[in-house]
Amino acid sequence: MRRYYYEPGNGTRYDLLYGKLEGSMRYVIAWMHDGGSGGSCLRWQHWDDLRSYHWSYIAEKMRIREADARAIAKFMESHHATRVAENKEDEG
């Protein structure tokens, strides 16, 4: 698990905890709000499980806004080869 400060160019800085849980096959991404004192997270079993998930799934499970879910999905996409960022129909 590592901590990242992600600035995707949308005027927001994301304080993220991200990675594989030690001694487990599970992965976690957590967006730490309010200066790192709390936030929302998503946990899943294996990277292959996320291949079909869309940014909207991330938004729903983490209870965050669409723009933030898209940015976090792009962060995840840039760190692991998955298909969570955006589908073709979302472009435009």
PDB file of N, CA and C in Angstrom:
ATOM      1  N   MET A   1       0.859  -1.165   0.000  1.00  0.00           N
ATOM      2  CA  MET A   1       0.000   0.000   0.000  1.00  0.00           C
ATOM      3  C   MET A   1       0.906   1.228   0.000  1.00  0.00           C
ATOM      4  N   ARG A   2       0.600   2.154  -0.905  1.00  0.00           N
ATOM      5  CA  ARG A   2       1.373   3.392  -0.996  1.00  0.00           C
ATOM      6  C   ARG A   2       0.448   4.593  -0.980  1.00  0.00           C
ATOM      7  N   ARG A   3       0.999   5.731  -0.602  1.00  0.00           N
ATOM      8  CA  ARG A   3       0.245   6.976  -0.607  1.00  0.00           C
ATOM      9  C   ARG A   3       0.683   7.795  -1.820  1.00  0.00           C
ATOM     10  N   TYR A   4      -0.296   8.352  -2.522  1.00  0.00           N
ATOM     11  CA  TYR A   4      -0.042   9.150  -3.716  1.00  0.00           C
ATOM     12  C   TYR A   4      -0.761  10.485  -3.594  1.00  0.00           C
ATOM     13  N   TYR A   5      -0.140  11.523  -4.127  1.00  0.00           N
ATOM     14  CA  TYR A   5      -0.798  12.813  -4.311  1.00  0.00           C
ATOM     15  C   TYR A   5      -0.954  12.982  -5.811  1.00  0.00           C
ATOM     16  N   TYR A   6      -2.193  12.865  -6.270  1.00  0.00           N
ATOM     17  CA  TYR A   6      -2.480  12.838  -7.702  1.00  0.00           C
ATOM     18  C   TYR A   6      -3.152  14.143  -8.103  1.00  0.00           C
ATOM     19  N   GLU A   7      -2.568  14.826  -9.099  1.00  0.00           N
ATOM     20  CA  GLU A   7      -3.119  16.067  -9.636  1.00  0.00           C
ATOM     21  C   GLU A   7      -3.349  15.881 -11.130  1.00  0.00           C
ATOM     22  N   PRO A   8      -4.584  15.520 -11.523  1.00  0.00           N
ATOM     23  CA  PRO A   8      -4.851  15.196 -12.930  1.00  0.00           C
ATOM     24  C   PRO A   8      -5.056  16.401 -13.841  1.00  0.00           C
ATOM     25  N   GLY A   9      -4.984  17.615 -13.311  1.00  0.00           N
ATOM     26  CA  GLY A   9      -5.181  18.793 -14.154  1.00  0.00           C
ATOM     27  C   GLY A   9      -6.608  19.299 -14.167  1.00  0.00           C
ATOM     28  N   ASN A  10      -7.457  18.783 -13.279  1.00  0.00           N
ATOM     29  CA  ASN A  10      -8.840  19.260 -13.214  1.00  0.00           C
ATOM     30  C   ASN A  10      -9.047  20.231 -12.050  1.00  0.00           C
ATOM     31  N   GLY A  11      -7.948  20.741 -11.485  1.00  0.00           N
ATOM     32  CA  GLY A  11      -8.040  21.688 -10.382  1.00  0.00           C
ATOM     33  C   GLY A  11      -8.181  21.022  -9.023  1.00  0.00           C
ATOM     34  N   THR A  12      -8.034  19.728  -8.974  1.00  0.00           N
ATOM     35  CA  THR A  12      -8.197  18.978  -7.733  1.00  0.00           C
ATOM     36  C   THR A  12      -6.924  18.204  -7.428  1.00  0.00           C
ATOM     37  N   ARG A  13      -6.621  18.093  -6.163  1.00  0.00           N
ATOM     38  CA  ARG A  13      -5.501  17.262  -5.714  1.00  0.00           C
ATOM     39  C   ARG A  13      -6.084  16.115  -4.908  1.00  0.00           C
ATOM     40  N   TYR A  14      -5.750  14.905  -5.302  1.00  0.00           N
ATOM     41  CA  TYR A  14      -6.287  13.716  -4.650  1.00  0.00           C
ATOM     42  C   TYR A  14      -5.212  13.086  -3.769  1.00  0.00           C
ATOM     43  N   ASP A  15      -5.534  12.910  -2.509  1.00  0.00           N
ATOM     44  CA  ASP A  15      -4.677  12.224  -1.549  1.00  0.00           C
ATOM     45  C   ASP A  15      -5.176  10.782  -1.519  1.00  0.00           C
ATOM     46  N   LEU A  16      -4.434   9.871  -2.160  1.00  0.00           N
ATOM     47  CA  LEU A  16      -4.892   8.500  -2.357  1.00  0.00           C
ATOM     48  C   LEU A  16      -3.994   7.490  -1.649  1.00  0.00           C
ATOM     49  N   LEU A  17      -4.608   6.497  -1.051  1.00  0.00           N
ATOM     50  CA  LEU A  17      -3.920   5.306  -0.574  1.00  0.00           C
ATOM     51  C   LEU A  17      -4.288   4.212  -1.552  1.00  0.00           C
ATOM     52  N   TYR A  18      -3.286   3.489  -2.057  1.00  0.00           N
ATOM     53  CA  TYR A  18      -3.571   2.579  -3.150  1.00  0.00           C
ATOM     54  C   TYR A  18      -2.611   1.408  -3.156  1.00  0.00           C
ATOM     55  N   GLY A  19      -3.135   0.220  -3.358  1.00  0.00           N
ATOM     56  CA  GLY A  19      -2.280  -0.935  -3.512  1.00  0.00           C
ATOM     57  C   GLY A  19      -2.894  -2.204  -2.978  1.00  0.00           C
ATOM     58  N   LYS A  20      -2.057  -3.212  -2.943  1.00  0.00           N
ATOM     59  CA  LYS A  20      -2.469  -4.527  -2.474  1.00  0.00           C
ATOM     60  C   LYS A  20      -2.308  -4.589  -0.961  1.00  0.00           C
ATOM     61  N   LEU A  21      -3.294  -5.141  -0.309  1.00  0.00           N
ATOM     62  CA  LEU A  21      -3.204  -5.317   1.136  1.00  0.00           C
ATOM     63  C   LEU A  21      -2.187  -6.401   1.449  1.00  0.00           C
ATOM     64  N   GLU A  22      -1.299  -6.110   2.352  1.00  0.00           N
ATOM     65  CA  GLU A  22      -0.243  -7.058   2.699  1.00  0.00           C
ATOM     66  C   GLU A  22      -0.826  -8.352   3.237  1.00  0.00           C
ATOM     67  N   GLY A  23      -0.319  -9.478   2.734  1.00  0.00           N
ATOM     68  CA  GLY A  23      -0.787 -10.785   3.172  1.00  0.00           C
ATOM     69  C   GLY A  23      -2.163 -11.157   2.651  1.00  0.00           C
ATOM     70  N   SER A  24      -2.596 -10.472   1.592  1.00  0.00           N
ATOM     71  CA  SER A  24      -3.934 -10.685   1.061  1.00  0.00           C
ATOM     72  C   SER A  24      -3.907 -10.613  -0.457  1.00  0.00           C
ATOM     73  N   MET A  25      -4.945 -11.127  -1.091  1.00  0.00           N
ATOM     74  CA  MET A  25      -5.115 -10.993  -2.534  1.00  0.00           C
ATOM     75  C   MET A  25      -6.002  -9.798  -2.860  1.00  0.00           C
ATOM     76  N   ARG A  26      -6.318  -8.975  -1.881  1.00  0.00           N
ATOM     77  CA  ARG A  26      -7.238  -7.859  -2.081  1.00  0.00           C
ATOM     78  C   ARG A  26      -6.493  -6.554  -2.317  1.00  0.00           C
ATOM     79  N   TYR A  27      -7.117  -5.703  -3.111  1.00  0.00           N
ATOM     80  CA  TYR A  27      -6.601  -4.378  -3.413  1.00  0.00           C
ATOM     81  C   TYR A  27      -7.553  -3.333  -2.854  1.00  0.00           C
ATOM     82  N   VAL A  28      -6.993  -2.149  -2.591  1.00  0.00           N
ATOM     83  CA  VAL A  28      -7.778  -1.050  -2.031  1.00  0.00           C
ATOM     84  C   VAL A  28      -7.340   0.253  -2.677  1.00  0.00           C
ATOM     85  N   ILE A  29      -8.325   1.110  -2.944  1.00  0.00           N
ATOM     86  CA  ILE A  29      -8.038   2.512  -3.233  1.00  0.00           C
ATOM     87  C   ILE A  29      -8.886   3.325  -2.269  1.00  0.00           C
ATOM     88  N   ALA A  30      -8.258   4.298  -1.628  1.00  0.00           N
ATOM     89  CA  ALA A  30      -8.960   5.170  -0.685  1.00  0.00           C
ATOM     90  C   ALA A  30      -8.620   6.609  -1.015  1.00  0.00           C
ATOM     91  N   TRP A  31      -9.648   7.438  -1.091  1.00  0.00           N
ATOM     92  CA  TRP A  31      -9.463   8.869  -1.291  1.00  0.00           C
ATOM     93  C   TRP A  31      -9.620   9.519   0.074  1.00  0.00           C
ATOM     94  N   MET A  32      -8.527  10.067   0.576  1.00  0.00           N
ATOM     95  CA  MET A  32      -8.523  10.666   1.897  1.00  0.00           C
ATOM     96  C   MET A  32      -8.937  12.130   1.787  1.00  0.00           C
ATOM     97  N   HIS A  33     -10.093  12.468   2.332  1.00  0.00           N
ATOM     98  CA  HIS A  33     -10.620  13.833   2.326  1.00  0.00           C
ATOM     99  C   HIS A  33     -10.144  14.580   3.569  1.00  0.00           C
ATOM    100  N   ASP A  34     -10.427  15.845   3.620  1.00  0.00           N
ATOM    101  CA  ASP A  34     -10.243  16.657   4.823  1.00  0.00           C
ATOM    102  C   ASP A  34      -8.844  16.538   5.416  1.00  0.00           C
ATOM    103  N   GLY A  35      -7.847  16.683   4.576  1.00  0.00           N
ATOM    104  CA  GLY A  35      -6.473  16.638   5.052  1.00  0.00           C
ATOM    105  C   GLY A  35      -5.998  15.271   5.500  1.00  0.00           C
ATOM    106  N   GLY A  36      -6.640  14.223   5.018  1.00  0.00           N
ATOM    107  CA  GLY A  36      -6.215  12.866   5.336  1.00  0.00           C
ATOM    108  C   GLY A  36      -6.838  12.283   6.587  1.00  0.00           C
ATOM    109  N   SER A  37      -7.851  12.951   7.121  1.00  0.00           N
ATOM    110  CA  SER A  37      -8.469  12.454   8.360  1.00  0.00           C
ATOM    111  C   SER A  37      -9.621  11.494   8.124  1.00  0.00           C
ATOM    112  N   GLY A  38     -10.110  11.400   6.902  1.00  0.00           N
ATOM    113  CA  GLY A  38     -11.208  10.491   6.594  1.00  0.00           C
ATOM    114  C   GLY A  38     -11.391  10.420   5.098  1.00  0.00           C
ATOM    115  N   GLY A  39     -12.258   9.545   4.657  1.00  0.00           N
ATOM    116  CA  GLY A  39     -12.461   9.446   3.225  1.00  0.00           C
ATOM    117  C   GLY A  39     -13.340   8.285   2.834  1.00  0.00           C
ATOM    118  N   SER A  40     -13.243   7.909   1.556  1.00  0.00           N
ATOM    119  CA  SER A  40     -14.024   6.788   1.042  1.00  0.00           C
ATOM    120  C   SER A  40     -13.089   5.835   0.314  1.00  0.00           C
ATOM    121  N   CYS A  41     -13.483   4.568   0.267  1.00  0.00           N
ATOM    122  CA  CYS A  41     -12.587   3.582  -0.329  1.00  0.00           C
ATOM    123  C   CYS A  41     -13.364   2.529  -1.104  1.00  0.00           C
ATOM    124  N   LEU A  42     -12.610   1.763  -1.884  1.00  0.00           N
ATOM    125  CA  LEU A  42     -13.134   0.653  -2.663  1.00  0.00           C
ATOM    126  C   LEU A  42     -12.143  -0.494  -2.519  1.00  0.00           C
ATOM    127  N   ARG A  43     -12.656  -1.681  -2.243  1.00  0.00           N
ATOM    128  CA  ARG A  43     -11.817  -2.867  -2.099  1.00  0.00           C
ATOM    129  C   ARG A  43     -12.312  -3.927  -3.069  1.00  0.00           C
ATOM    130  N   TRP A  44     -11.376  -4.660  -3.662  1.00  0.00           N
ATOM    131  CA  TRP A  44     -11.746  -5.737  -4.570  1.00  0.00           C
ATOM    132  C   TRP A  44     -10.724  -6.852  -4.465  1.00  0.00           C
ATOM    133  N   GLN A  45     -11.078  -8.014  -4.981  1.00  0.00           N
ATOM    134  CA  GLN A  45     -10.283  -9.224  -4.810  1.00  0.00           C
ATOM    135  C   GLN A  45      -9.067  -9.278  -5.722  1.00  0.00           C
ATOM    136  N   HIS A  46      -9.231  -8.975  -7.001  1.00  0.00           N
ATOM    137  CA  HIS A  46      -8.148  -9.171  -7.954  1.00  0.00           C
ATOM    138  C   HIS A  46      -8.290  -8.157  -9.074  1.00  0.00           C
ATOM    139  N   TRP A  47      -7.184  -7.768  -9.699  1.00  0.00           N
ATOM    140  CA  TRP A  47      -7.261  -6.784 -10.776  1.00  0.00           C
ATOM    141  C   TRP A  47      -8.182  -7.194 -11.891  1.00  0.00           C
ATOM    142  N   ASP A  48      -8.225  -8.458 -12.218  1.00  0.00           N
ATOM    143  CA  ASP A  48      -9.111  -8.908 -13.287  1.00  0.00           C
ATOM    144  C   ASP A  48     -10.566  -8.614 -12.982  1.00  0.00           C
ATOM    145  N   ASP A  49     -10.928  -8.520 -11.700  1.00  0.00           N
ATOM    146  CA  ASP A  49     -12.309  -8.209 -11.321  1.00  0.00           C
ATOM    147  C   ASP A  49     -12.713  -6.816 -11.766  1.00  0.00           C
ATOM    148  N   LEU A  50     -11.759  -5.896 -11.911  1.00  0.00           N
ATOM    149  CA  LEU A  50     -12.092  -4.518 -12.276  1.00  0.00           C
ATOM    150  C   LEU A  50     -12.154  -4.283 -13.776  1.00  0.00           C
ATOM    151  N   ARG A  51     -11.792  -5.236 -14.586  1.00  0.00           N
ATOM    152  CA  ARG A  51     -11.765  -5.005 -16.030  1.00  0.00           C
ATOM    153  C   ARG A  51     -13.104  -4.545 -16.597  1.00  0.00           C
ATOM    154  N   SER A  52     -14.181  -5.012 -16.057  1.00  0.00           N
ATOM    155  CA  SER A  52     -15.488  -4.637 -16.600  1.00  0.00           C
ATOM    156  C   SER A  52     -16.124  -3.479 -15.845  1.00  0.00           C
ATOM    157  N   TYR A  53     -15.486  -3.006 -14.789  1.00  0.00           N
ATOM    158  CA  TYR A  53     -16.073  -1.918 -14.011  1.00  0.00           C
ATOM    159  C   TYR A  53     -15.811  -0.579 -14.681  1.00  0.00           C
ATOM    160  N   HIS A  54     -16.754   0.265 -14.585  1.00  0.00           N
ATOM    161  CA  HIS A  54     -16.749   1.566 -15.212  1.00  0.00           C
ATOM    162  C   HIS A  54     -16.554   2.614 -14.122  1.00  0.00           C
ATOM    163  N   TRP A  55     -16.165   3.843 -14.498  1.00  0.00           N
ATOM    164  CA  TRP A  55     -16.008   4.892 -13.495  1.00  0.00           C
ATOM    165  C   TRP A  55     -17.289   5.084 -12.691  1.00  0.00           C
ATOM    166  N   SER A  56     -18.444   4.812 -13.300  1.00  0.00           N
ATOM    167  CA  SER A  56     -19.716   4.984 -12.587  1.00  0.00           C
ATOM    168  C   SER A  56     -19.831   3.981 -11.432  1.00  0.00           C
ATOM    169  N   TYR A  57     -19.245   2.803 -11.597  1.00  0.00           N
ATOM    170  CA  TYR A  57     -19.229   1.816 -10.517  1.00  0.00           C
ATOM    171  C   TYR A  57     -18.388   2.342  -9.353  1.00  0.00           C
ATOM    172  N   ILE A  58     -17.250   2.936  -9.688  1.00  0.00           N
ATOM    173  CA  ILE A  58     -16.381   3.515  -8.666  1.00  0.00           C
ATOM    174  C   ILE A  58     -17.109   4.642  -7.939  1.00  0.00           C
ATOM    175  N   ALA A  59     -17.801   5.496  -8.687  1.00  0.00           N
ATOM    176  CA  ALA A  59     -18.567   6.596  -8.077  1.00  0.00           C
ATOM    177  C   ALA A  59     -19.627   6.072  -7.119  1.00  0.00           C
ATOM    178  N   GLU A  60     -20.337   5.043  -7.545  1.00  0.00           N
ATOM    179  CA  GLU A  60     -21.402   4.473  -6.712  1.00  0.00           C
ATOM    180  C   GLU A  60     -20.837   3.850  -5.440  1.00  0.00           C
ATOM    181  N   LYS A  61     -19.822   3.031  -5.578  1.00  0.00           N
ATOM    182  CA  LYS A  61     -19.285   2.311  -4.416  1.00  0.00           C
ATOM    183  C   LYS A  61     -18.552   3.223  -3.443  1.00  0.00           C
ATOM    184  N   MET A  62     -17.853   4.245  -3.972  1.00  0.00           N
ATOM    185  CA  MET A  62     -17.122   5.153  -3.098  1.00  0.00           C
ATOM    186  C   MET A  62     -17.975   6.335  -2.654  1.00  0.00           C
ATOM    187  N   ARG A  63     -19.178   6.458  -3.250  1.00  0.00           N
ATOM    188  CA  ARG A  63     -20.095   7.564  -2.950  1.00  0.00           C
ATOM    189  C   ARG A  63     -19.434   8.923  -3.193  1.00  0.00           C
ATOM    190  N   ILE A  64     -18.913   9.050  -4.418  1.00  0.00           N
ATOM    191  CA  ILE A  64     -18.246  10.288  -4.808  1.00  0.00           C
ATOM    192  C   ILE A  64     -18.849  10.805  -6.110  1.00  0.00           C
ATOM    193  N   ARG A  65     -18.545  12.051  -6.445  1.00  0.00           N
ATOM    194  CA  ARG A  65     -19.076  12.682  -7.652  1.00  0.00           C
ATOM    195  C   ARG A  65     -18.450  12.092  -8.914  1.00  0.00           C
ATOM    196  N   GLU A  66     -19.155  12.259 -10.030  1.00  0.00           N
ATOM    197  CA  GLU A  66     -18.711  11.717 -11.316  1.00  0.00           C
ATOM    198  C   GLU A  66     -17.313  12.193 -11.687  1.00  0.00           C
ATOM    199  N   ALA A  67     -17.057  13.505 -11.598  1.00  0.00           N
ATOM    200  CA  ALA A  67     -15.752  14.037 -11.996  1.00  0.00           C
ATOM    201  C   ALA A  67     -14.628  13.431 -11.160  1.00  0.00           C
ATOM    202  N   ASP A  68     -14.868  13.245  -9.875  1.00  0.00           N
ATOM    203  CA  ASP A  68     -13.856  12.651  -9.007  1.00  0.00           C
ATOM    204  C   ASP A  68     -13.659  11.177  -9.329  1.00  0.00           C
ATOM    205  N   ALA A  69     -14.748  10.469  -9.620  1.00  0.00           N
ATOM    206  CA  ALA A  69     -14.652   9.052  -9.979  1.00  0.00           C
ATOM    207  C   ALA A  69     -13.879   8.871 -11.280  1.00  0.00           C
ATOM    208  N   ARG A  70     -14.105   9.745 -12.238  1.00  0.00           N
ATOM    209  CA  ARG A  70     -13.366   9.676 -13.505  1.00  0.00           C
ATOM    210  C   ARG A  70     -11.872   9.891 -13.268  1.00  0.00           C
ATOM    211  N   ALA A  71     -11.530  10.880 -12.440  1.00  0.00           N
ATOM    212  CA  ALA A  71     -10.124  11.167 -12.156  1.00  0.00           C
ATOM    213  C   ALA A  71      -9.467  10.002 -11.427  1.00  0.00           C
ATOM    214  N   ILE A  72     -10.146   9.437 -10.457  1.00  0.00           N
ATOM    215  CA  ILE A  72      -9.591   8.312  -9.711  1.00  0.00           C
ATOM    216  C   ILE A  72      -9.457   7.086 -10.612  1.00  0.00           C
ATOM    217  N   ALA A  73     -10.428   6.868 -11.492  1.00  0.00           N
ATOM    218  CA  ALA A  73     -10.330   5.758 -12.443  1.00  0.00           C
ATOM    219  C   ALA A  73      -9.123   5.944 -13.361  1.00  0.00           C
ATOM    220  N   LYS A  74      -8.862   7.180 -13.787  1.00  0.00           N
ATOM    221  CA  LYS A  74      -7.692   7.432 -14.635  1.00  0.00           C
ATOM    222  C   LYS A  74      -6.405   7.188 -13.862  1.00  0.00           C
ATOM    223  N   PHE A  75      -6.390   7.539 -12.597  1.00  0.00           N
ATOM    224  CA  PHE A  75      -5.224   7.242 -11.767  1.00  0.00           C
ATOM    225  C   PHE A  75      -4.998   5.737 -11.712  1.00  0.00           C
ATOM    226  N   MET A  76      -6.058   4.993 -11.458  1.00  0.00           N
ATOM    227  CA  MET A  76      -5.954   3.543 -11.385  1.00  0.00           C
ATOM    228  C   MET A  76      -5.485   2.971 -12.716  1.00  0.00           C
ATOM    229  N   GLU A  77      -6.025   3.483 -13.800  1.00  0.00           N
ATOM    230  CA  GLU A  77      -5.656   3.025 -15.140  1.00  0.00           C
ATOM    231  C   GLU A  77      -4.167   3.267 -15.408  1.00  0.00           C
ATOM    232  N   SER A  78      -3.658   4.392 -14.937  1.00  0.00           N
ATOM    233  CA  SER A  78      -2.254   4.718 -15.189  1.00  0.00           C
ATOM    234  C   SER A  78      -1.300   3.863 -14.361  1.00  0.00           C
ATOM    235  N   HIS A  79      -1.785   3.263 -13.290  1.00  0.00           N
ATOM    236  CA  HIS A  79      -0.933   2.441 -12.442  1.00  0.00           C
ATOM    237  C   HIS A  79      -1.071   0.943 -12.697  1.00  0.00           C
ATOM    238  N   HIS A  80      -2.144   0.546 -13.347  1.00  0.00           N
ATOM    239  CA  HIS A  80      -2.364  -0.862 -13.677  1.00  0.00           C
ATOM    240  C   HIS A  80      -3.156  -0.938 -14.973  1.00  0.00           C
ATOM    241  N   ALA A  81      -2.848  -1.900 -15.774  1.00  0.00           N
ATOM    242  CA  ALA A  81      -3.510  -2.043 -17.079  1.00  0.00           C
ATOM    243  C   ALA A  81      -4.897  -2.653 -16.911  1.00  0.00           C
ATOM    244  N   THR A  82      -5.863  -1.795 -16.658  1.00  0.00           N
ATOM    245  CA  THR A  82      -7.255  -2.238 -16.546  1.00  0.00           C
ATOM    246  C   THR A  82      -8.099  -1.436 -17.523  1.00  0.00           C
ATOM    247  N   ARG A  83      -9.370  -1.657 -17.533  1.00  0.00           N
ATOM    248  CA  ARG A  83     -10.262  -0.913 -18.407  1.00  0.00           C
ATOM    249  C   ARG A  83     -11.250  -0.104 -17.589  1.00  0.00           C
ATOM    250  N   VAL A  84     -10.866   0.425 -16.447  1.00  0.00           N
ATOM    251  CA  VAL A  84     -11.828   1.117 -15.599  1.00  0.00           C
ATOM    252  C   VAL A  84     -12.011   2.582 -15.967  1.00  0.00           C
ATOM    253  N   ALA A  85     -11.099   3.187 -16.700  1.00  0.00           N
ATOM    254  CA  ALA A  85     -11.133   4.633 -16.898  1.00  0.00           C
ATOM    255  C   ALA A  85     -12.410   5.112 -17.594  1.00  0.00           C
ATOM    256  N   GLU A  86     -12.546   4.857 -18.862  1.00  0.00           N
ATOM    257  CA  GLU A  86     -13.726   5.301 -19.585  1.00  0.00           C
ATOM    258  C   GLU A  86     -14.002   4.372 -20.739  1.00  0.00           C
ATOM    259  N   ASN A  87     -15.258   4.232 -21.063  1.00  0.00           N
ATOM    260  CA  ASN A  87     -15.643   3.488 -22.249  1.00  0.00           C
ATOM    261  C   ASN A  87     -15.720   4.457 -23.424  1.00  0.00           C
ATOM    262  N   LYS A  88     -15.666   3.935 -24.633  1.00  0.00           N
ATOM    263  CA  LYS A  88     -15.689   4.774 -25.836  1.00  0.00           C
ATOM    264  C   LYS A  88     -16.919   5.678 -25.870  1.00  0.00           C
ATOM    265  N   GLU A  89     -18.063   5.191 -25.439  1.00  0.00           N
ATOM    266  CA  GLU A  89     -19.282   6.002 -25.522  1.00  0.00           C
ATOM    267  C   GLU A  89     -19.269   7.185 -24.580  1.00  0.00           C
ATOM    268  N   ASP A  90     -18.329   7.218 -23.610  1.00  0.00           N
ATOM    269  CA  ASP A  90     -18.241   8.340 -22.677  1.00  0.00           C
ATOM    270  C   ASP A  90     -17.475   9.512 -23.243  1.00  0.00           C
ATOM    271  N   GLU A  91     -16.709   9.306 -24.302  1.00  0.00           N
ATOM    272  CA  GLU A  91     -15.917  10.369 -24.874  1.00  0.00           C
ATOM    273  C   GLU A  91     -16.789  11.338 -25.637  1.00  0.00           C
ATOM    274  N   GLY A  92     -16.378  12.607 -25.639  1.00  0.00           N
ATOM    275  CA  GLY A  92     -17.097  13.552 -26.457  1.00  0.00           C
ATOM    276  C   GLY A  92     -17.728  14.559 -25.678  1.00  0.00           C
TER     277      GLY A  92
END
